[in-house]
């Protein structure tokens, strides 16, 4: 069950990244502005991915602790 939700989140972030890049590349703008926008979107995606991975780690740690309490 958790693998499915993790796969969904990974797919969602990849889709968001690809969609953002496609929108930026399709928009008529100068090369300098395009590079700036792509760079900005890359930093945003990296930040969101980092936050999501941290949340997943925290939830995993919580589940691990609850399982230890039940077993031990």
C-alpha atoms as a PDB file:
ATOM      1  CA  UNK A   1       0.000   0.000   0.000  1.00  0.00           C
ATOM      2  CA  UNK A   2       2.766   2.470   0.906  1.00  0.00           C
ATOM      3  CA  UNK A   3       4.688   1.622  -2.256  1.00  0.00           C
ATOM      4  CA  UNK A   4       1.656   2.615  -4.313  1.00  0.00           C
ATOM      5  CA  UNK A   5       1.379   6.000  -2.627  1.00  0.00           C
ATOM      6  CA  UNK A   6       5.132   6.592  -2.921  1.00  0.00           C
ATOM      7  CA  UNK A   7       5.028   5.668  -6.609  1.00  0.00           C
ATOM      8  CA  UNK A   8       2.087   8.016  -7.080  1.00  0.00           C
ATOM      9  CA  UNK A   9       3.950  10.900  -5.430  1.00  0.00           C
ATOM     10  CA  UNK A  10       7.062  10.293  -7.504  1.00  0.00           C
ATOM     11  CA  UNK A  11       4.969  10.141 -10.671  1.00  0.00           C
ATOM     12  CA  UNK A  12       3.127  13.288  -9.671  1.00  0.00           C
ATOM     13  CA  UNK A  13       6.345  15.241  -9.155  1.00  0.00           C
ATOM     14  CA  UNK A  14       7.816  13.988 -12.421  1.00  0.00           C
ATOM     15  CA  UNK A  15       4.624  14.942 -14.224  1.00  0.00           C
ATOM     16  CA  UNK A  16       4.625  18.380 -12.641  1.00  0.00           C
ATOM     17  CA  UNK A  17       8.247  18.914 -13.613  1.00  0.00           C
ATOM     18  CA  UNK A  18       7.721  17.806 -17.194  1.00  0.00           C
ATOM     19  CA  UNK A  19       4.546  19.854 -17.522  1.00  0.00           C
ATOM     20  CA  UNK A  20       6.247  22.940 -16.145  1.00  0.00           C
ATOM     21  CA  UNK A  21       9.198  22.538 -18.480  1.00  0.00           C
ATOM     22  CA  UNK A  22       6.932  21.967 -21.483  1.00  0.00           C
ATOM     23  CA  UNK A  23       4.919  25.087 -20.637  1.00  0.00           C
ATOM     24  CA  UNK A  24       8.066  27.156 -20.290  1.00  0.00           C
ATOM     25  CA  UNK A  25       9.536  25.873 -23.530  1.00  0.00           C
ATOM     26  CA  UNK A  26       6.291  26.450 -25.439  1.00  0.00           C
ATOM     27  CA  UNK A  27       5.905  30.028 -24.215  1.00  0.00           C
ATOM     28  CA  UNK A  28       7.362  32.734 -26.448  1.00  0.00           C
ATOM     29  CA  UNK A  29      10.132  34.452 -24.473  1.00  0.00           C
ATOM     30  CA  UNK A  30      13.787  35.334 -24.685  1.00  0.00           C
ATOM     31  CA  UNK A  31      16.508  32.757 -24.029  1.00  0.00           C
ATOM     32  CA  UNK A  32      17.738  34.583 -20.932  1.00  0.00           C
ATOM     33  CA  UNK A  33      14.261  34.710 -19.422  1.00  0.00           C
ATOM     34  CA  UNK A  34      13.610  31.075 -20.335  1.00  0.00           C
ATOM     35  CA  UNK A  35      16.824  29.947 -18.618  1.00  0.00           C
ATOM     36  CA  UNK A  36      15.936  31.992 -15.546  1.00  0.00           C
ATOM     37  CA  UNK A  37      12.429  30.531 -15.403  1.00  0.00           C
ATOM     38  CA  UNK A  38      13.659  26.957 -15.921  1.00  0.00           C
ATOM     39  CA  UNK A  39      16.229  27.458 -13.175  1.00  0.00           C
ATOM     40  CA  UNK A  40      13.609  28.870 -10.811  1.00  0.00           C
ATOM     41  CA  UNK A  41      11.203  26.000 -11.489  1.00  0.00           C
ATOM     42  CA  UNK A  42      14.013  23.504 -10.941  1.00  0.00           C
ATOM     43  CA  UNK A  43      14.779  25.015  -7.536  1.00  0.00           C
ATOM     44  CA  UNK A  44      11.084  24.964  -6.601  1.00  0.00           C
ATOM     45  CA  UNK A  45      10.770  21.337  -7.641  1.00  0.00           C
ATOM     46  CA  UNK A  46      13.892  20.391  -5.686  1.00  0.00           C
ATOM     47  CA  UNK A  47      12.520  22.164  -2.602  1.00  0.00           C
ATOM     48  CA  UNK A  48       9.108  20.480  -2.874  1.00  0.00           C
ATOM     49  CA  UNK A  49      10.725  17.099  -3.444  1.00  0.00           C
ATOM     50  CA  UNK A  50      12.940  17.586  -0.408  1.00  0.00           C
ATOM     51  CA  UNK A  51       9.952  18.522   1.747  1.00  0.00           C
ATOM     52  CA  UNK A  52       7.945  15.531   0.530  1.00  0.00           C
ATOM     53  CA  UNK A  53      10.806  13.122   1.135  1.00  0.00           C
ATOM     54  CA  UNK A  54      11.212  14.515   4.649  1.00  0.00           C
ATOM     55  CA  UNK A  55       7.503  13.973   5.314  1.00  0.00           C
ATOM     56  CA  UNK A  56       7.740  10.409   4.009  1.00  0.00           C
ATOM     57  CA  UNK A  57      10.766   9.730   6.252  1.00  0.00           C
ATOM     58  CA  UNK A  58       8.929  11.148   9.271  1.00  0.00           C
ATOM     59  CA  UNK A  59       5.848   9.029   8.591  1.00  0.00           C
ATOM     60  CA  UNK A  60       8.043   5.971   8.109  1.00  0.00           C
ATOM     61  CA  UNK A  61       9.768   6.626  11.429  1.00  0.00           C
ATOM     62  CA  UNK A  62       6.372   6.979  13.128  1.00  0.00           C
ATOM     63  CA  UNK A  63       5.166   3.692  11.668  1.00  0.00           C
ATOM     64  CA  UNK A  64       8.414   2.004  12.722  1.00  0.00           C
ATOM     65  CA  UNK A  65       8.079   3.259  16.302  1.00  0.00           C
ATOM     66  CA  UNK A  66       4.428   2.156  16.512  1.00  0.00           C
ATOM     67  CA  UNK A  67       5.371  -1.276  15.176  1.00  0.00           C
ATOM     68  CA  UNK A  68       8.172  -1.566  17.764  1.00  0.00           C
ATOM     69  CA  UNK A  69       5.704  -0.707  20.531  1.00  0.00           C
ATOM     70  CA  UNK A  70       3.239  -3.349  19.339  1.00  0.00           C
ATOM     71  CA  UNK A  71       5.889  -6.041  18.854  1.00  0.00           C
ATOM     72  CA  UNK A  72       8.150  -5.222  21.783  1.00  0.00           C
END
